[in-house]
Protein backbone atom coordinates (compact mmCIF):
# COMPACT_ATOMS: atom_id res chain seq x y z
CA MET A 1 31.90 4.44 -10.57
CA ILE A 2 30.91 7.82 -12.05
CA THR A 3 27.26 7.06 -11.24
CA SER A 4 28.18 6.32 -7.63
CA VAL A 5 30.10 9.60 -7.28
CA VAL A 6 27.17 11.57 -8.74
CA ALA A 7 24.80 9.86 -6.32
CA VAL A 8 27.04 10.79 -3.38
CA LEU A 9 27.26 14.41 -4.54
CA ASN A 10 23.49 14.56 -5.01
CA THR A 11 22.99 13.18 -1.52
CA CYS A 12 25.37 15.75 -0.03
CA ARG A 13 23.65 18.57 -1.90
CA TRP A 14 20.23 17.31 -0.72
CA THR A 15 21.54 17.20 2.86
CA ARG A 16 22.78 20.80 2.64
CA LEU A 17 19.50 21.97 1.11
CA ASN A 18 17.62 20.14 3.82
CA ALA A 19 19.68 21.86 6.48
CA ILE A 20 18.89 25.37 5.28
CA ARG A 21 15.16 24.77 5.01
CA ARG A 22 13.12 26.69 7.53
CA LEU A 23 13.50 24.86 10.83
CA SER A 24 12.36 25.48 14.36
CA SER A 25 13.53 23.83 17.56
CA VAL A 26 10.86 22.18 19.69
CA GLY A 27 12.50 21.89 23.08
CA SER A 28 15.43 19.49 23.17
CA VAL A 29 13.50 16.58 21.63
CA PHE A 30 12.36 17.58 18.13
CA THR A 31 13.20 19.83 15.24
CA HIS A 32 10.16 20.99 13.28
CA ARG A 33 10.58 20.98 9.52
CA GLU A 34 7.78 22.66 7.54
CA LYS A 35 8.48 20.80 4.31
CA LEU A 36 9.25 17.13 3.83
CA VAL A 37 12.02 17.13 1.24
CA LEU A 38 12.36 14.00 -0.85
CA PRO A 39 15.76 12.66 -1.97
CA PRO A 40 16.79 14.06 -5.38
CA THR A 41 16.87 10.54 -6.81
CA THR A 42 13.14 10.10 -6.15
CA ALA A 43 11.47 9.08 -9.41
CA PRO A 44 8.04 10.46 -10.43
CA VAL A 45 5.16 8.21 -9.39
CA PRO A 46 2.53 7.85 -12.15
CA ILE A 47 -1.12 8.32 -11.19
CA ALA A 48 -3.09 8.80 -14.42
CA TRP A 49 -3.23 5.54 -16.40
CA ARG A 50 -1.69 3.60 -13.53
CA LYS A 51 -2.66 -0.05 -13.44
CA TRP A 52 -4.78 -1.18 -10.48
CA LEU A 53 -5.81 2.35 -9.47
CA ALA A 54 -9.55 3.07 -9.52
CA GLY A 55 -10.59 5.50 -12.25
CA SER A 56 -7.10 5.89 -13.70
CA THR A 57 -7.80 4.22 -17.04
CA LEU A 58 -11.14 5.83 -17.88
CA PRO A 59 -11.04 8.05 -20.99
CA GLY A 60 -11.25 11.72 -20.09
CA ASN A 61 -10.07 11.30 -16.51
CA LYS A 62 -8.37 14.36 -15.02
CA LEU A 63 -6.15 12.59 -12.54
CA PRO A 64 -2.71 14.20 -12.12
CA SER A 65 -0.02 12.64 -14.30
CA VAL A 66 2.21 12.00 -11.29
CA LEU A 67 1.91 12.03 -7.51
CA ALA A 68 2.72 15.46 -6.08
CA THR A 69 5.29 15.98 -3.33
CA PRO A 70 3.89 16.81 0.13
CA SER A 71 2.85 20.44 0.67
CA VAL A 72 4.02 22.76 3.43
CA ASN A 73 3.17 21.32 6.86
CA HIS A 74 1.14 18.49 5.33
CA PRO A 75 2.61 16.59 6.92
CA ALA A 76 4.40 18.78 9.41
CA VAL A 77 7.67 16.98 10.15
CA TYR A 78 9.09 16.60 13.66
CA GLU A 79 12.51 14.96 13.62
CA VAL A 80 13.88 13.46 16.81
CA ASN A 81 17.12 15.28 17.62
CA ASP A 82 20.27 13.16 17.55
CA GLN A 83 21.54 14.72 20.78
CA PHE A 84 18.33 13.77 22.57
CA LEU A 85 18.73 10.17 21.43
CA ALA A 86 22.37 10.17 22.54
CA ASP A 87 21.50 11.51 25.99
CA THR A 88 18.27 9.60 26.65
CA ASP A 89 17.38 5.97 27.17
CA VAL A 90 13.92 6.17 25.63
CA THR A 91 13.11 2.56 26.49
CA SER A 92 13.43 3.36 30.20
CA ASN A 93 11.72 6.75 29.80
CA LEU A 94 8.99 5.83 27.35
CA SER A 95 6.26 7.73 29.21
CA ASN A 96 8.33 10.94 29.14
CA PHE A 97 9.00 10.60 25.42
CA ALA A 98 5.33 9.85 24.77
CA ARG A 99 4.42 12.99 26.71
CA GLU A 100 6.60 15.06 24.37
CA VAL A 101 4.94 13.51 21.33
CA ARG A 102 1.49 14.08 22.76
CA ASN A 103 2.28 17.74 23.48
CA VAL A 104 3.13 18.21 19.80
CA LEU A 105 -0.03 16.41 18.70
CA ASP A 106 -2.42 18.23 21.04
CA SER A 107 -0.99 21.62 20.06
CA ASN A 108 -0.63 21.15 16.32
CA LEU A 109 -2.55 18.23 14.80
CA HIS A 110 -5.83 20.14 14.42
CA ILE A 111 -3.90 22.89 12.61
CA HIS A 112 -1.87 20.81 10.15
CA GLY A 113 -4.09 17.74 9.80
CA CYS A 114 -1.18 15.29 9.84
CA ILE A 115 2.21 15.11 11.54
CA LEU A 116 5.17 12.92 10.69
CA PHE A 117 7.54 12.02 13.53
CA ARG A 118 10.79 10.90 11.95
CA GLY A 119 13.28 8.67 13.75
CA ILE A 120 11.24 7.65 16.79
CA PRO A 121 13.19 4.98 18.73
CA ILE A 122 10.47 2.32 18.82
CA LYS A 123 11.90 -0.44 16.59
CA ASP A 124 9.18 -3.11 16.76
CA ALA A 125 5.46 -3.81 17.18
CA ARG A 126 5.65 -4.71 20.87
CA ARG A 127 7.30 -1.42 21.84
CA LEU A 128 4.99 0.42 19.46
CA SER A 129 2.04 -0.92 21.42
CA SER A 130 3.58 0.26 24.69
CA PHE A 131 4.36 3.66 23.17
CA ILE A 132 0.81 4.19 21.87
CA LYS A 133 -0.58 3.17 25.24
CA ALA A 134 1.76 5.70 26.90
CA LEU A 135 0.37 8.47 24.66
CA GLY A 136 -2.78 8.17 26.74
CA TYR A 137 -5.38 8.33 23.98
CA LYS A 138 -8.43 6.09 24.10
CA ARG A 139 -7.91 3.25 21.66
CA ALA A 140 -10.57 2.78 18.99
CA SER A 141 -11.93 -0.53 17.77
CA TYR A 142 -11.93 -1.67 14.15
CA GLU A 143 -15.27 -3.39 14.67
CA ALA A 144 -17.39 -3.35 11.51
CA GLY A 145 -14.39 -2.42 9.35
CA VAL A 146 -14.80 -3.24 5.67
CA VAL A 147 -11.31 -4.64 5.01
CA SER A 148 -9.54 -7.52 6.66
CA ARG A 149 -6.89 -6.58 9.24
CA ASP A 150 -4.93 -8.84 11.56
CA ASP A 151 -4.13 -7.93 15.15
CA VAL A 152 -0.34 -7.84 15.63
CA THR A 153 -0.10 -6.80 19.28
CA ASP A 154 -2.43 -5.05 21.72
CA GLY A 155 -3.98 -2.12 19.83
CA VAL A 156 -1.75 -2.56 16.76
CA MET A 157 -2.95 -4.03 13.45
CA THR A 158 -1.80 -4.63 9.90
CA THR A 159 -3.03 -1.99 7.46
CA THR A 160 -5.05 -4.17 5.06
CA ASP A 161 -5.07 -7.81 4.09
CA SER A 162 -7.93 -7.45 1.59
CA ASP A 163 -6.14 -5.44 -1.11
CA PRO A 164 -3.02 -7.12 -2.57
CA PRO A 165 0.25 -5.16 -2.66
CA MET A 166 0.06 -4.16 -6.34
CA CYS A 167 -3.32 -2.47 -5.75
CA SER A 168 -3.27 1.31 -5.18
CA ILE A 169 -5.71 2.41 -2.48
CA GLU A 170 -7.33 5.76 -3.16
CA PRO A 171 -7.60 8.63 -0.64
CA HIS A 172 -10.13 8.07 2.12
CA ASN A 173 -11.02 8.95 5.69
CA GLU A 174 -10.82 5.97 8.00
CA MET A 175 -14.21 4.30 8.67
CA ALA A 176 -16.17 7.34 7.45
CA TYR A 177 -18.84 4.85 6.39
CA LEU A 178 -19.84 4.46 10.05
CA GLU A 179 -21.63 6.76 12.46
CA LYS A 180 -18.78 6.26 14.95
CA PHE A 181 -15.26 6.52 13.55
CA PRO A 182 -11.69 6.99 14.86
CA SER A 183 -10.44 10.47 15.67
CA LYS A 184 -6.83 9.66 14.81
CA ILE A 185 -5.11 7.07 12.68
CA MET A 186 -1.45 6.31 13.37
CA PHE A 187 0.93 4.58 10.97
CA TYR A 188 4.29 3.15 11.96
CA CYS A 189 6.79 2.04 9.30
CA ASP A 190 8.16 -1.34 10.31
CA ILE A 191 9.58 -2.37 6.91
CA PRO A 192 10.05 0.47 4.39
CA ALA A 193 9.51 -0.08 0.68
CA LYS A 194 12.54 -0.03 -1.59
CA PRO A 195 13.03 3.24 -3.48
CA GLY A 196 11.48 2.96 -6.93
CA TYR A 197 9.28 -0.02 -6.02
CA GLY A 198 6.13 1.89 -5.04
CA GLY A 199 4.46 1.86 -1.65
CA GLU A 200 4.26 5.65 -1.27
CA THR A 201 1.89 6.89 1.43
CA GLY A 202 -0.42 9.65 0.26
CA VAL A 203 -1.79 12.44 2.45
CA THR A 204 -4.73 14.59 1.36
CA SER A 205 -6.22 17.67 3.00
CA ASN A 206 -10.02 17.53 3.29
CA ARG A 207 -10.00 21.32 3.48
CA GLU A 208 -8.30 21.56 0.10
CA VAL A 209 -10.57 18.94 -1.47
CA LEU A 210 -13.71 20.83 -0.46
CA GLN A 211 -12.38 24.03 -2.04
CA LYS A 212 -11.82 22.25 -5.38
CA LEU A 213 -15.01 20.18 -5.65
CA ASN A 214 -17.82 21.30 -7.93
CA PRO A 215 -20.21 23.21 -5.59
CA SER A 216 -23.32 21.70 -7.21
CA ILE A 217 -22.03 18.18 -6.50
CA VAL A 218 -21.25 19.09 -2.91
CA GLU A 219 -24.70 20.65 -2.50
CA LYS A 220 -26.44 17.51 -3.74
CA PHE A 221 -24.57 15.25 -1.35
CA ASP A 222 -25.20 17.72 1.46
CA LYS A 223 -28.93 17.53 0.73
CA LEU A 224 -29.26 13.76 0.18
CA GLY A 225 -26.43 12.21 2.18
CA ILE A 226 -24.76 8.92 1.25
CA THR A 227 -25.99 5.36 1.64
CA TYR A 228 -23.20 2.86 2.28
CA SER A 229 -23.83 -0.83 1.72
CA SER A 230 -21.56 -3.81 2.12
CA ARG A 231 -21.64 -7.55 1.50
CA LYS A 232 -19.63 -9.61 3.94
CA SER A 233 -19.49 -13.31 3.20
CA SER A 234 -19.14 -16.09 5.74
CA LYS A 235 -15.61 -17.43 6.10
CA LEU A 236 -17.19 -20.87 6.35
CA THR A 237 -18.50 -20.75 2.78
CA SER A 238 -16.20 -18.16 1.14
CA PRO A 239 -12.85 -18.14 2.96
CA GLU A 240 -11.09 -16.20 0.15
CA SER A 241 -13.59 -13.34 -0.03
CA TYR A 242 -12.71 -9.64 0.29
CA ASN A 243 -13.86 -9.63 3.92
CA SER A 244 -15.98 -11.89 6.11
CA TRP A 245 -18.45 -10.81 8.77
CA GLN A 246 -16.56 -12.96 11.26
CA GLN A 247 -13.39 -10.93 10.60
CA ALA A 248 -15.19 -7.58 10.49
CA PHE A 249 -16.97 -8.06 13.82
CA ARG A 250 -14.37 -10.25 15.55
CA THR A 251 -16.97 -12.89 16.39
CA ASN A 252 -18.48 -16.12 15.07
CA GLU A 253 -21.88 -15.40 16.61
CA ARG A 254 -24.58 -13.90 14.40
CA ARG A 255 -26.41 -12.50 17.40
CA ASP A 256 -23.36 -10.42 18.38
CA VAL A 257 -23.32 -8.96 14.88
CA GLU A 258 -27.02 -8.20 14.93
CA THR A 259 -26.72 -6.46 18.29
CA TYR A 260 -24.04 -4.14 16.90
CA LEU A 261 -26.01 -3.41 13.73
CA GLU A 262 -29.22 -2.66 15.60
CA GLU A 263 -27.50 -0.44 18.16
CA ASN A 264 -25.79 1.52 15.38
CA ASN A 265 -28.82 2.03 13.12
CA HIS A 266 -27.82 -0.33 10.30
CA GLY A 267 -30.32 -2.10 8.15
CA TYR A 268 -29.28 -5.70 7.44
CA GLN A 269 -30.27 -9.08 6.09
CA TRP A 270 -28.75 -12.54 6.00
CA GLU A 271 -28.65 -14.45 2.73
CA GLU A 272 -29.02 -18.21 2.42
CA ASP A 273 -25.30 -18.82 2.00
CA GLY A 274 -24.50 -16.92 5.22
CA THR A 275 -23.57 -13.62 3.54
CA LEU A 276 -24.40 -10.50 5.56
CA VAL A 277 -25.71 -7.46 3.69
CA ASP A 278 -25.90 -4.25 5.72
CA TRP A 279 -26.48 -0.58 4.93
CA ARG A 280 -26.81 2.85 6.52
CA THR A 281 -27.30 6.45 5.37
CA LEU A 282 -24.93 9.13 6.67
CA PRO A 283 -24.25 12.81 6.00
CA ALA A 284 -21.47 13.92 3.64
CA PHE A 285 -20.26 16.45 6.24
CA ARG A 286 -19.28 16.18 9.91
CA ASN A 287 -18.27 18.83 12.44
CA HIS A 288 -14.73 18.78 13.84
CA PRO A 289 -14.80 18.47 17.65
CA THR A 290 -11.88 20.88 18.21
CA THR A 291 -12.10 23.49 15.46
CA GLY A 292 -15.86 23.38 14.93
CA GLU A 293 -15.29 23.23 11.17
CA ARG A 294 -17.93 21.64 8.97
CA LEU A 295 -15.83 19.13 7.04
CA TRP A 296 -16.29 17.07 3.89
CA PHE A 297 -15.94 13.62 5.43
CA ASN A 298 -17.01 10.43 3.68
CA GLN A 299 -15.97 7.43 1.60
CA ILE A 300 -17.96 8.07 -1.56
CA THR A 301 -15.38 6.71 -4.01
CA ILE A 302 -13.37 3.97 -2.32
CA HIS A 303 -16.62 2.43 -1.03
CA HIS A 304 -18.16 2.57 -4.53
CA ALA A 305 -18.49 -0.61 -6.58
CA SER A 306 -16.36 0.92 -9.36
CA TYR A 307 -13.33 0.56 -7.05
CA PHE A 308 -13.36 -3.15 -7.88
CA LEU A 309 -13.27 -2.59 -11.66
CA ASP A 310 -9.57 -1.64 -11.38
CA HIS A 311 -8.72 -4.26 -8.78
CA PRO A 312 -6.17 -7.06 -9.29
CA GLU A 313 -8.65 -9.55 -7.84
CA PRO A 314 -11.73 -8.48 -9.81
CA GLU A 315 -15.31 -9.35 -9.11
CA PRO A 316 -17.52 -10.43 -12.05
CA THR A 317 -18.14 -7.32 -14.18
CA ASN A 318 -21.63 -8.27 -15.34
CA GLN A 319 -23.24 -8.11 -11.89
CA PRO A 320 -25.29 -5.26 -10.42
CA SER A 321 -23.38 -2.70 -8.34
CA LYS A 322 -25.11 -3.87 -5.16
CA MET A 323 -23.51 -7.31 -5.55
CA TYR A 324 -19.96 -6.01 -5.09
CA PRO A 325 -18.38 -6.13 -1.62
CA LEU A 326 -18.96 -2.37 -1.20
CA HIS A 327 -21.15 0.25 -2.79
CA THR A 328 -22.37 3.82 -2.30
CA THR A 329 -25.46 5.61 -3.60
CA TYR A 330 -27.10 8.92 -2.90
CA GLY A 331 -29.04 8.87 0.34
CA ASP A 332 -32.31 8.55 -1.58
CA GLY A 333 -31.12 5.27 -3.11
CA ASN A 334 -30.36 6.58 -6.60
CA GLU A 335 -27.04 5.68 -8.20
CA ILE A 336 -24.24 8.25 -8.15
CA GLU A 337 -23.39 9.29 -11.69
CA ASP A 338 -20.13 7.93 -13.13
CA GLU A 339 -18.89 11.44 -13.92
CA VAL A 340 -19.48 12.51 -10.30
CA ILE A 341 -17.46 9.57 -8.97
CA GLN A 342 -14.66 10.40 -11.41
CA HIS A 343 -14.72 14.11 -10.53
CA ILE A 344 -14.27 13.32 -6.84
CA ARG A 345 -11.42 10.92 -7.64
CA ASP A 346 -9.75 13.55 -9.83
CA VAL A 347 -9.94 16.15 -7.06
CA ASN A 348 -8.83 13.75 -4.32
CA TRP A 349 -5.68 12.67 -6.16
CA GLY A 350 -5.06 16.22 -7.35
CA SER A 351 -4.94 17.29 -3.69
CA THR A 352 -2.61 14.48 -2.59
CA GLY A 353 1.10 14.55 -1.83
CA GLY A 354 3.03 11.35 -1.28
CA PHE A 355 6.30 9.94 0.02
CA GLN A 356 7.90 6.66 0.96
CA MET A 357 7.94 6.22 4.71
CA GLN A 358 11.27 5.37 6.31
CA LYS A 359 11.99 2.86 9.06
CA ASP A 360 10.67 4.20 12.40
CA ASP A 361 8.54 6.91 10.80
CA PHE A 362 5.41 7.53 12.83
CA LEU A 363 2.64 9.31 10.91
CA VAL A 364 -0.35 10.62 12.86
CA MET A 365 -3.40 11.87 10.99
CA ASP A 366 -6.43 13.75 12.20
CA ASN A 367 -8.96 11.47 10.56
CA MET A 368 -11.44 14.27 9.89
CA LEU A 369 -8.92 16.68 8.39
CA SER A 370 -6.77 14.34 6.30
CA MET A 371 -7.27 11.37 4.01
CA HIS A 372 -4.66 8.68 3.51
CA SER A 373 -3.86 6.49 0.50
CA ARG A 374 -1.32 3.99 -0.78
CA ILE A 375 0.47 3.46 -4.06
CA GLY A 376 0.78 -0.17 -5.08
CA PHE A 377 4.17 -1.83 -4.55
CA ASN A 378 6.17 -4.91 -5.52
CA CYS A 379 8.63 -5.37 -2.68
CA ASP A 380 8.64 -6.05 1.04
CA ARG A 381 6.79 -3.28 2.90
CA ARG A 382 4.99 -3.30 6.23
CA LEU A 383 3.14 -0.50 7.94
CA LEU A 384 1.37 -1.03 11.25
CA VAL A 385 -1.69 0.95 12.26
CA ALA A 386 -3.43 2.03 15.45
CA LEU A 387 -6.70 3.92 15.89
CA THR A 388 -7.81 6.23 18.70
CA ASP A 389 -11.14 7.73 19.72
CA ASP A 390 -9.74 11.06 20.94
């Protein structure tokens, strides 16, 4: 009973503290909150020495001991005002509500890098699809993606079906291993994780990461670029593999796959058992289309074979790196040093803040400015994802 009373008092105190945080009204629809404040009962989330997190168990790692809380305006939080919800039938006025959301995104996303809309009245995948369509952005394809994702409704997918729930997914920019990649990635929380059971969503500023990286490492990648390679089995011979080429390219026809690879400057070969091996070399930096910034933008670590050494469904450890589902090297073909991979992981996680998404949270990330990640979980949790080209 005493514990329950303390919890109630803590919640009330948290609510009062939340209320006096710096707020700004955004029309009659949203209230902008610069800092996402976590409930006082939120337990620390271990990072260093965490099971099933790449690089966390290596001696000498400099990963943070626990996951940091989100920084100011990363994400920027836009809460839907209760009065607006009371006065508005959003279902009948979805296009108007979507226009308000888009106004916030177009004005602010390139500044903050990621924006969390809290309490959007969407409720399910079908209405989420209609809402994203009403935003008016050009939907991006997940063709050639390296993890397995299932289509839920038009333009809406599951986040990943390749990595089991207990696996923590390190910070990365979506599809940075391709020449063409999404401009925005949007996450909707359909089923939130239980407090204390993991499943935190991490957000990482690419701007901050670049400031912290060893300049000599950055210079080398800038000079040589990065070669990404992947092995995608055939679902006909290896149905339980990390990802199949049929799933990745949404086709059962080899010629369709070859057309894509040739048009997008991939080298490739087919192995006797039907496995597809493909590779391409890309720069470590890209220019932002709105700000003109030259941004650190890649998937050096999560695409590296070492990712699978701390994976709950491990590959054989005595095989060459090129035999893992994914691998990265320097653009000249030489292996990236272990200490370089670990340094990048240390900096990425050291620049990450995380939180558990709530039901009807809608997180929009500028894919070039912000990386996303996931802490492993052991409860029901379901995020849905959509990608856009603009």
